[in-house]
Amino acid sequence: MTQDTRVTVQDGVGTITFDRWERRNALSIGMLTAISDNLDAWAYDDDVAAVVITGGEDVFCAGLDLDLQSGFTPETREVYSEACLRAYGTLLDYRKPTIAAVGGPALGGGCDIAVFCDIRLGADNVVMGFPQIKMGLTPYFSPLWKIVGLSQAKLLTFTGDRVDATEALRIGLLDRMVPAGGVVAAATGLARSIAETTTRSAVNNKEIARRSPAMDPISALTYETLAYREVVWHTDVVDRIGAAFARVRSRRDGT
């Protein structure tokens, strides 16, 4: 338990759950710090292959804490800005797969946290958007447009309008949608599926996903081929290939 969060590790999955219900999981400095601290702690922990971030089934995160924002001093504004930069930066370039399990509202900074994750699963009660735009604030545009495309990112960030789950899924802001009440279980199941590939494989595949998009096609092809050559002779990989072949042969032979 950390300030305003609950944290668990089970079956290869590290889960960070926002626990500030009375403020609709609005982002506190403690929540942002907990994201960063736990991601740092799990980065080289072989017991964690994938990470789920959630606020539960009903509210993911209402965004910035208006009480905190309206009472900023120069000192607290700097602390909050540094906490935001650290949390978002750690998520953006994390070495293991991250999944946002989004139930209910994910607004402003909460929507950013979902966007900075690798995968977004949403319940059909989701509402997403950047209402801070209507207060004159600015968005994180770069990671968003790479997910939904330039035009949709402009629509979201120029207007500050919100979208429901169906529209979020249509434009790619959500990757999958599940019935309300089941998003945490669905995200955990997906994370466990990643963990079953082993932590080493999860890290290797995340590394490719982090680096290849910035390369030209031939460079990416070369890099990914070298990555394959690097792992294909690992003892555990050879054993897993052998076990998979044995299962296929057993089914084929009816034994």
C-alpha atoms as a PDB file:
ATOM      1  CA  MET A   1       0.000   0.000   0.000  1.00  0.00           C
ATOM      2  CA  THR A   2       1.322   3.389  -1.011  1.00  0.00           C
ATOM      3  CA  GLN A   3      -0.293   6.788  -0.643  1.00  0.00           C
ATOM      4  CA  ASP A   4      -3.577   6.787  -2.623  1.00  0.00           C
ATOM      5  CA  THR A   5      -2.758   3.464  -4.338  1.00  0.00           C
ATOM      6  CA  ARG A   6      -2.899  -0.291  -3.797  1.00  0.00           C
ATOM      7  CA  VAL A   7      -0.176  -2.488  -5.271  1.00  0.00           C
ATOM      8  CA  THR A   8      -0.056  -6.246  -5.864  1.00  0.00           C
ATOM      9  CA  VAL A   9       2.190  -8.747  -7.655  1.00  0.00           C
ATOM     10  CA  GLN A  10       0.751 -12.107  -8.677  1.00  0.00           C
ATOM     11  CA  ASP A  11       1.319 -14.579 -11.514  1.00  0.00           C
ATOM     12  CA  GLY A  12       3.881 -12.359 -13.190  1.00  0.00           C
ATOM     13  CA  VAL A  13       1.605  -9.310 -13.152  1.00  0.00           C
ATOM     14  CA  GLY A  14       2.250  -6.130 -11.180  1.00  0.00           C
ATOM     15  CA  THR A  15      -0.945  -4.148 -10.606  1.00  0.00           C
ATOM     16  CA  ILE A  16      -1.203  -0.512  -9.529  1.00  0.00           C
ATOM     17  CA  THR A  17      -4.726   0.433  -8.452  1.00  0.00           C
ATOM     18  CA  PHE A  18      -5.639   4.052  -7.775  1.00  0.00           C
ATOM     19  CA  ASP A  19      -7.355   4.262  -4.403  1.00  0.00           C
ATOM     20  CA  ARG A  20      -8.625   7.795  -3.993  1.00  0.00           C
ATOM     21  CA  TRP A  21     -12.304   7.220  -4.496  1.00  0.00           C
ATOM     22  CA  GLU A  22     -13.414  10.280  -2.556  1.00  0.00           C
ATOM     23  CA  ARG A  23     -11.652  12.416  -5.188  1.00  0.00           C
ATOM     24  CA  ARG A  24     -12.618  10.167  -8.128  1.00  0.00           C
ATOM     25  CA  ASN A  25      -8.973   9.105  -8.318  1.00  0.00           C
ATOM     26  CA  ALA A  26      -7.855  12.635  -9.198  1.00  0.00           C
ATOM     27  CA  LEU A  27      -4.099  12.676  -9.500  1.00  0.00           C
ATOM     28  CA  SER A  28      -2.213  13.495  -6.333  1.00  0.00           C
ATOM     29  CA  ILE A  29       1.533  13.831  -6.029  1.00  0.00           C
ATOM     30  CA  GLY A  30       1.433  10.585  -4.045  1.00  0.00           C
ATOM     31  CA  MET A  31      -0.307   8.720  -6.873  1.00  0.00           C
ATOM     32  CA  LEU A  32       2.150   9.961  -9.476  1.00  0.00           C
ATOM     33  CA  THR A  33       5.076   9.081  -7.241  1.00  0.00           C
ATOM     34  CA  ALA A  34       3.646   5.624  -6.579  1.00  0.00           C
ATOM     35  CA  ILE A  35       3.419   4.952 -10.328  1.00  0.00           C
ATOM     36  CA  SER A  36       7.052   5.928 -10.798  1.00  0.00           C
ATOM     37  CA  ASP A  37       8.377   4.150  -7.701  1.00  0.00           C
ATOM     38  CA  ASN A  38       6.641   0.861  -8.447  1.00  0.00           C
ATOM     39  CA  LEU A  39       7.545   0.867 -12.121  1.00  0.00           C
ATOM     40  CA  ASP A  40      11.165   1.492 -11.153  1.00  0.00           C
ATOM     41  CA  ALA A  41      11.051  -1.310  -8.574  1.00  0.00           C
ATOM     42  CA  TRP A  42       9.608  -3.784 -11.097  1.00  0.00           C
ATOM     43  CA  ALA A  43      11.764  -2.823 -14.079  1.00  0.00           C
ATOM     44  CA  TYR A  44      14.381  -5.510 -13.359  1.00  0.00           C
ATOM     45  CA  ASP A  45      12.243  -7.776 -11.167  1.00  0.00           C
ATOM     46  CA  ASP A  46      11.809 -11.162 -12.874  1.00  0.00           C
ATOM     47  CA  ASP A  47       8.611 -11.753 -10.894  1.00  0.00           C
ATOM     48  CA  VAL A  48       6.900  -9.022 -12.934  1.00  0.00           C
ATOM     49  CA  ALA A  49       6.556  -9.509 -16.694  1.00  0.00           C
ATOM     50  CA  ALA A  50       3.728  -7.041 -17.312  1.00  0.00           C
ATOM     51  CA  VAL A  51       2.017  -4.198 -15.472  1.00  0.00           C
ATOM     52  CA  VAL A  52      -1.673  -3.305 -15.158  1.00  0.00           C
ATOM     53  CA  ILE A  53      -2.700   0.212 -14.115  1.00  0.00           C
ATOM     54  CA  THR A  54      -6.310   0.745 -13.105  1.00  0.00           C
ATOM     55  CA  GLY A  55      -8.690   2.739 -10.968  1.00  0.00           C
ATOM     56  CA  GLY A  56     -11.141  -0.137 -10.664  1.00  0.00           C
ATOM     57  CA  GLU A  57     -14.391  -0.698 -12.490  1.00  0.00           C
ATOM     58  CA  ASP A  58     -16.164   2.633 -12.029  1.00  0.00           C
ATOM     59  CA  VAL A  59     -13.574   5.450 -12.208  1.00  0.00           C
ATOM     60  CA  PHE A  60     -10.158   5.225 -13.807  1.00  0.00           C
ATOM     61  CA  CYS A  61      -8.944   8.741 -13.042  1.00  0.00           C
ATOM     62  CA  ALA A  62     -10.662  12.123 -13.119  1.00  0.00           C
ATOM     63  CA  GLY A  63      -7.434  13.894 -14.076  1.00  0.00           C
ATOM     64  CA  LEU A  64      -5.711  16.716 -12.275  1.00  0.00           C
ATOM     65  CA  ASP A  65      -6.773  17.519  -8.722  1.00  0.00           C
ATOM     66  CA  LEU A  66      -8.477  20.890  -8.992  1.00  0.00           C
ATOM     67  CA  ASP A  67      -8.075  21.509  -5.241  1.00  0.00           C
ATOM     68  CA  LEU A  68      -4.342  21.056  -5.595  1.00  0.00           C
ATOM     69  CA  GLN A  69      -4.174  22.991  -8.854  1.00  0.00           C
ATOM     70  CA  SER A  70      -6.135  25.974  -7.548  1.00  0.00           C
ATOM     71  CA  GLY A  71      -3.909  26.216  -4.479  1.00  0.00           C
ATOM     72  CA  PHE A  72      -0.556  25.926  -6.206  1.00  0.00           C
ATOM     73  CA  THR A  73       2.421  27.822  -4.842  1.00  0.00           C
ATOM     74  CA  PRO A  74       5.597  28.140  -6.901  1.00  0.00           C
ATOM     75  CA  GLU A  75       7.063  25.309  -4.820  1.00  0.00           C
ATOM     76  CA  THR A  76       4.135  22.883  -5.073  1.00  0.00           C
ATOM     77  CA  ARG A  77       3.702  23.618  -8.778  1.00  0.00           C
ATOM     78  CA  GLU A  78       7.319  22.603  -9.363  1.00  0.00           C
ATOM     79  CA  VAL A  79       6.960  19.431  -7.285  1.00  0.00           C
ATOM     80  CA  TYR A  80       3.770  18.472  -9.131  1.00  0.00           C
ATOM     81  CA  SER A  81       5.316  19.156 -12.541  1.00  0.00           C
ATOM     82  CA  GLU A  82       8.343  17.031 -11.709  1.00  0.00           C
ATOM     83  CA  ALA A  83       6.119  14.206 -10.441  1.00  0.00           C
ATOM     84  CA  CYS A  84       4.090  14.330 -13.681  1.00  0.00           C
ATOM     85  CA  LEU A  85       7.167  14.327 -15.894  1.00  0.00           C
ATOM     86  CA  ARG A  86       8.698  11.426 -14.001  1.00  0.00           C
ATOM     87  CA  ALA A  87       5.541   9.285 -14.054  1.00  0.00           C
ATOM     88  CA  TYR A  88       4.664   9.944 -17.687  1.00  0.00           C
ATOM     89  CA  GLY A  89       8.272   9.586 -18.823  1.00  0.00           C
ATOM     90  CA  THR A  90       8.711   6.307 -16.966  1.00  0.00           C
ATOM     91  CA  LEU A  91       5.528   4.925 -18.540  1.00  0.00           C
ATOM     92  CA  LEU A  92       6.386   6.169 -22.006  1.00  0.00           C
ATOM     93  CA  ASP A  93       9.730   4.348 -22.195  1.00  0.00           C
ATOM     94  CA  TYR A  94       9.120   1.459 -19.786  1.00  0.00           C
ATOM     95  CA  ARG A  95      10.979  -1.767 -20.555  1.00  0.00           C
ATOM     96  CA  LYS A  96       8.023  -4.083 -19.885  1.00  0.00           C
ATOM     97  CA  PRO A  97       4.495  -4.173 -21.352  1.00  0.00           C
ATOM     98  CA  THR A  98       1.935  -1.950 -19.625  1.00  0.00           C
ATOM     99  CA  ILE A  99      -1.845  -2.232 -19.796  1.00  0.00           C
ATOM    100  CA  ALA A 100      -4.414   0.372 -18.749  1.00  0.00           C
ATOM    101  CA  ALA A 101      -7.614  -1.206 -17.433  1.00  0.00           C
ATOM    102  CA  VAL A 102     -10.041   1.673 -17.890  1.00  0.00           C
ATOM    103  CA  GLY A 103     -13.443   1.670 -16.236  1.00  0.00           C
ATOM    104  CA  GLY A 104     -15.568   4.822 -16.147  1.00  0.00           C
ATOM    105  CA  PRO A 105     -14.063   8.293 -16.632  1.00  0.00           C
ATOM    106  CA  ALA A 106     -10.448   8.661 -17.780  1.00  0.00           C
ATOM    107  CA  LEU A 107     -10.016  12.388 -18.168  1.00  0.00           C
ATOM    108  CA  GLY A 108      -7.133  14.829 -18.511  1.00  0.00           C
ATOM    109  CA  GLY A 109      -4.079  13.400 -16.817  1.00  0.00           C
ATOM    110  CA  GLY A 110      -5.955  10.147 -16.332  1.00  0.00           C
ATOM    111  CA  CYS A 111      -6.463   9.864 -20.073  1.00  0.00           C
ATOM    112  CA  ASP A 112      -2.758  10.639 -20.480  1.00  0.00           C
ATOM    113  CA  ILE A 113      -1.829   7.720 -18.218  1.00  0.00           C
ATOM    114  CA  ALA A 114      -3.945   5.411 -20.372  1.00  0.00           C
ATOM    115  CA  VAL A 115      -2.405   6.823 -23.560  1.00  0.00           C
ATOM    116  CA  PHE A 116       1.137   6.342 -22.230  1.00  0.00           C
ATOM    117  CA  CYS A 117       0.435   2.643 -21.583  1.00  0.00           C
ATOM    118  CA  ASP A 118       1.117   0.120 -24.345  1.00  0.00           C
ATOM    119  CA  ILE A 119      -2.408  -1.303 -24.409  1.00  0.00           C
ATOM    120  CA  ARG A 120      -5.766   0.127 -23.345  1.00  0.00           C
ATOM    121  CA  LEU A 121      -8.662  -2.118 -22.371  1.00  0.00           C
ATOM    122  CA  GLY A 122     -11.861  -0.247 -21.637  1.00  0.00           C
ATOM    123  CA  ALA A 123     -15.255  -1.091 -20.195  1.00  0.00           C
ATOM    124  CA  ASP A 124     -18.374   0.012 -22.031  1.00  0.00           C
ATOM    125  CA  ASN A 125     -18.935   2.681 -19.353  1.00  0.00           C
ATOM    126  CA  VAL A 126     -15.769   4.550 -20.355  1.00  0.00           C
ATOM    127  CA  VAL A 127     -15.636   8.290 -20.976  1.00  0.00           C
ATOM    128  CA  MET A 128     -12.313   9.664 -22.204  1.00  0.00           C
ATOM    129  CA  GLY A 129     -11.010  13.082 -23.137  1.00  0.00           C
ATOM    130  CA  PHE A 130      -9.038  16.166 -22.196  1.00  0.00           C
ATOM    131  CA  PRO A 131     -11.413  18.644 -20.511  1.00  0.00           C
ATOM    132  CA  GLN A 132      -8.448  20.717 -19.293  1.00  0.00           C
ATOM    133  CA  ILE A 133      -8.362  22.139 -22.818  1.00  0.00           C
ATOM    134  CA  LYS A 134     -11.535  24.067 -21.991  1.00  0.00           C
ATOM    135  CA  MET A 135      -9.640  25.751 -19.124  1.00  0.00           C
ATOM    136  CA  GLY A 136      -6.891  26.933 -21.472  1.00  0.00           C
ATOM    137  CA  LEU A 137      -4.399  24.214 -20.564  1.00  0.00           C
ATOM    138  CA  THR A 138      -2.344  22.257 -23.080  1.00  0.00           C
ATOM    139  CA  PRO A 139      -2.339  18.511 -23.817  1.00  0.00           C
ATOM    140  CA  TYR A 140       0.292  15.839 -24.367  1.00  0.00           C
ATOM    141  CA  PHE A 141      -0.200  15.592 -28.115  1.00  0.00           C
ATOM    142  CA  SER A 142       2.705  13.467 -29.348  1.00  0.00           C
ATOM    143  CA  PRO A 143       1.849  10.042 -27.891  1.00  0.00           C
ATOM    144  CA  LEU A 144      -1.846  10.574 -28.610  1.00  0.00           C
ATOM    145  CA  TRP A 145      -1.582  11.209 -32.334  1.00  0.00           C
ATOM    146  CA  LYS A 146       0.582   8.124 -32.800  1.00  0.00           C
ATOM    147  CA  ILE A 147      -2.320   6.080 -31.459  1.00  0.00           C
ATOM    148  CA  VAL A 148      -5.399   7.721 -32.991  1.00  0.00           C
ATOM    149  CA  GLY A 149      -3.865   9.613 -35.926  1.00  0.00           C
ATOM    150  CA  LEU A 150      -3.369  13.330 -36.471  1.00  0.00           C
ATOM    151  CA  SER A 151      -6.932  14.292 -37.307  1.00  0.00           C
ATOM    152  CA  GLN A 152      -8.542  12.507 -34.362  1.00  0.00           C
ATOM    153  CA  ALA A 153      -5.853  13.837 -32.006  1.00  0.00           C
ATOM    154  CA  LYS A 154      -6.610  17.362 -33.213  1.00  0.00           C
ATOM    155  CA  LEU A 155     -10.324  16.831 -32.655  1.00  0.00           C
ATOM    156  CA  LEU A 156      -9.716  15.660 -29.082  1.00  0.00           C
ATOM    157  CA  THR A 157      -7.155  18.289 -28.145  1.00  0.00           C
ATOM    158  CA  PHE A 158      -8.521  21.340 -29.945  1.00  0.00           C
ATOM    159  CA  THR A 159     -11.999  20.955 -28.447  1.00  0.00           C
ATOM    160  CA  GLY A 160     -11.533  19.206 -25.116  1.00  0.00           C
ATOM    161  CA  ASP A 161     -14.688  17.242 -25.926  1.00  0.00           C
ATOM    162  CA  ARG A 162     -15.178  13.802 -24.412  1.00  0.00           C
ATOM    163  CA  VAL A 163     -15.836  10.526 -26.228  1.00  0.00           C
ATOM    164  CA  ASP A 164     -17.708   7.461 -25.029  1.00  0.00           C
ATOM    165  CA  ALA A 165     -16.418   3.897 -25.146  1.00  0.00           C
ATOM    166  CA  THR A 166     -17.808   3.137 -28.602  1.00  0.00           C
ATOM    167  CA  GLU A 167     -16.145   6.167 -30.164  1.00  0.00           C
ATOM    168  CA  ALA A 168     -12.917   5.583 -28.243  1.00  0.00           C
ATOM    169  CA  LEU A 169     -12.794   2.052 -29.648  1.00  0.00           C
ATOM    170  CA  ARG A 170     -13.607   3.251 -33.165  1.00  0.00           C
ATOM    171  CA  ILE A 171     -10.750   5.765 -33.281  1.00  0.00           C
ATOM    172  CA  GLY A 172      -8.258   3.436 -31.588  1.00  0.00           C
ATOM    173  CA  LEU A 173      -8.083   5.197 -28.242  1.00  0.00           C
ATOM    174  CA  LEU A 174      -9.189   1.855 -26.788  1.00  0.00           C
ATOM    175  CA  ASP A 175      -7.777  -1.402 -28.124  1.00  0.00           C
ATOM    176  CA  ARG A 176     -10.533  -3.633 -26.758  1.00  0.00           C
ATOM    177  CA  MET A 177     -13.872  -3.068 -25.050  1.00  0.00           C
ATOM    178  CA  VAL A 178     -15.476  -5.347 -22.458  1.00  0.00           C
ATOM    179  CA  PRO A 179     -18.706  -5.168 -20.453  1.00  0.00           C
ATOM    180  CA  ALA A 180     -18.684  -2.873 -17.431  1.00  0.00           C
ATOM    181  CA  GLY A 181     -17.505  -4.641 -14.315  1.00  0.00           C
ATOM    182  CA  GLY A 182     -15.060  -6.897 -16.130  1.00  0.00           C
ATOM    183  CA  VAL A 183     -12.230  -4.671 -17.286  1.00  0.00           C
ATOM    184  CA  VAL A 184      -9.796  -5.415 -14.450  1.00  0.00           C
ATOM    185  CA  ALA A 185     -10.211  -9.159 -14.919  1.00  0.00           C
ATOM    186  CA  ALA A 186      -9.806  -8.826 -18.690  1.00  0.00           C
ATOM    187  CA  ALA A 187      -6.647  -6.730 -18.362  1.00  0.00           C
ATOM    188  CA  THR A 188      -5.227  -9.078 -15.748  1.00  0.00           C
ATOM    189  CA  GLY A 189      -5.915 -12.050 -17.993  1.00  0.00           C
ATOM    190  CA  LEU A 190      -4.152 -10.334 -20.877  1.00  0.00           C
ATOM    191  CA  ALA A 191      -1.183  -9.472 -18.649  1.00  0.00           C
ATOM    192  CA  ARG A 192      -0.967 -13.084 -17.465  1.00  0.00           C
ATOM    193  CA  SER A 193      -0.950 -14.207 -21.094  1.00  0.00           C
ATOM    194  CA  ILE A 194       2.047 -11.924 -21.640  1.00  0.00           C
ATOM    195  CA  ALA A 195       3.697 -13.246 -18.467  1.00  0.00           C
ATOM    196  CA  GLU A 196       3.340 -16.813 -19.752  1.00  0.00           C
ATOM    197  CA  THR A 197       5.767 -15.950 -22.541  1.00  0.00           C
ATOM    198  CA  THR A 198       8.334 -15.364 -19.725  1.00  0.00           C
ATOM    199  CA  THR A 199       9.658 -12.088 -18.426  1.00  0.00           C
ATOM    200  CA  ARG A 200      12.649 -12.270 -20.753  1.00  0.00           C
ATOM    201  CA  SER A 201      10.428 -12.577 -23.809  1.00  0.00           C
ATOM    202  CA  ALA A 202       8.190  -9.765 -22.604  1.00  0.00           C
ATOM    203  CA  VAL A 203      11.197  -7.485 -22.200  1.00  0.00           C
ATOM    204  CA  ASN A 204      12.650  -8.460 -25.584  1.00  0.00           C
ATOM    205  CA  ASN A 205       9.389  -7.872 -27.414  1.00  0.00           C
ATOM    206  CA  LYS A 206       8.794  -4.575 -25.637  1.00  0.00           C
ATOM    207  CA  GLU A 207      12.300  -3.468 -26.627  1.00  0.00           C
ATOM    208  CA  ILE A 208      11.481  -4.124 -30.283  1.00  0.00           C
ATOM    209  CA  ALA A 209       8.224  -2.204 -29.929  1.00  0.00           C
ATOM    210  CA  ARG A 210      10.101   0.723 -28.349  1.00  0.00           C
ATOM    211  CA  ARG A 211      12.823   0.970 -30.996  1.00  0.00           C
ATOM    212  CA  SER A 212      11.530  -0.248 -34.363  1.00  0.00           C
ATOM    213  CA  PRO A 213       8.917   2.485 -34.972  1.00  0.00           C
ATOM    214  CA  ALA A 214      11.688   5.104 -35.078  1.00  0.00           C
ATOM    215  CA  MET A 215      13.652   3.180 -37.744  1.00  0.00           C
ATOM    216  CA  ASP A 216      13.332   3.120 -41.500  1.00  0.00           C
ATOM    217  CA  PRO A 217      11.892  -0.191 -42.818  1.00  0.00           C
ATOM    218  CA  ILE A 218      15.220  -1.810 -43.754  1.00  0.00           C
ATOM    219  CA  SER A 219      16.871  -0.821 -40.485  1.00  0.00           C
ATOM    220  CA  ALA A 220      13.894  -2.220 -38.576  1.00  0.00           C
ATOM    221  CA  LEU A 221      14.029  -5.451 -40.567  1.00  0.00           C
ATOM    222  CA  THR A 222      17.738  -5.835 -39.820  1.00  0.00           C
ATOM    223  CA  TYR A 223      17.306  -5.004 -36.128  1.00  0.00           C
ATOM    224  CA  GLU A 224      14.410  -7.405 -35.680  1.00  0.00           C
ATOM    225  CA  THR A 225      16.260 -10.196 -37.518  1.00  0.00           C
ATOM    226  CA  LEU A 226      19.270  -9.741 -35.248  1.00  0.00           C
ATOM    227  CA  ALA A 227      16.965  -9.807 -32.226  1.00  0.00           C
ATOM    228  CA  TYR A 228      15.542 -13.119 -33.433  1.00  0.00           C
ATOM    229  CA  ARG A 229      19.016 -14.549 -33.973  1.00  0.00           C
ATOM    230  CA  GLU A 230      19.978 -13.478 -30.473  1.00  0.00           C
ATOM    231  CA  VAL A 231      17.185 -15.384 -28.745  1.00  0.00           C
ATOM    232  CA  VAL A 232      16.677 -18.428 -30.964  1.00  0.00           C
ATOM    233  CA  TRP A 233      19.578 -20.298 -29.323  1.00  0.00           C
ATOM    234  CA  HIS A 234      18.695 -19.465 -25.717  1.00  0.00           C
ATOM    235  CA  THR A 235      18.335 -22.711 -23.771  1.00  0.00           C
ATOM    236  CA  ASP A 236      14.885 -21.878 -22.456  1.00  0.00           C
ATOM    237  CA  VAL A 237      13.680 -20.945 -25.949  1.00  0.00           C
ATOM    238  CA  VAL A 238      15.025 -24.196 -27.412  1.00  0.00           C
ATOM    239  CA  ASP A 239      13.268 -26.115 -24.632  1.00  0.00           C
ATOM    240  CA  ARG A 240       9.974 -24.299 -25.252  1.00  0.00           C
ATOM    241  CA  ILE A 241      10.185 -24.939 -29.011  1.00  0.00           C
ATOM    242  CA  GLY A 242      10.886 -28.606 -28.306  1.00  0.00           C
ATOM    243  CA  ALA A 243       7.929 -28.852 -25.946  1.00  0.00           C
ATOM    244  CA  ALA A 244       5.621 -27.192 -28.476  1.00  0.00           C
ATOM    245  CA  PHE A 245       6.792 -29.595 -31.198  1.00  0.00           C
ATOM    246  CA  ALA A 246       6.220 -32.560 -28.882  1.00  0.00           C
ATOM    247  CA  ARG A 247       2.644 -31.435 -28.262  1.00  0.00           C
ATOM    248  CA  VAL A 248       1.997 -31.086 -32.007  1.00  0.00           C
ATOM    249  CA  ARG A 249       3.503 -34.500 -32.724  1.00  0.00           C
ATOM    250  CA  SER A 250       1.427 -36.051 -29.941  1.00  0.00           C
ATOM    251  CA  ARG A 251      -1.799 -34.639 -31.372  1.00  0.00           C
ATOM    252  CA  ARG A 252      -0.818 -35.708 -34.886  1.00  0.00           C
ATOM    253  CA  ASP A 253      -0.013 -39.226 -33.780  1.00  0.00           C
ATOM    254  CA  GLY A 254      -3.079 -39.439 -31.564  1.00  0.00           C
ATOM    255  CA  THR A 255      -1.032 -40.276 -28.460  1.00  0.00           C
END
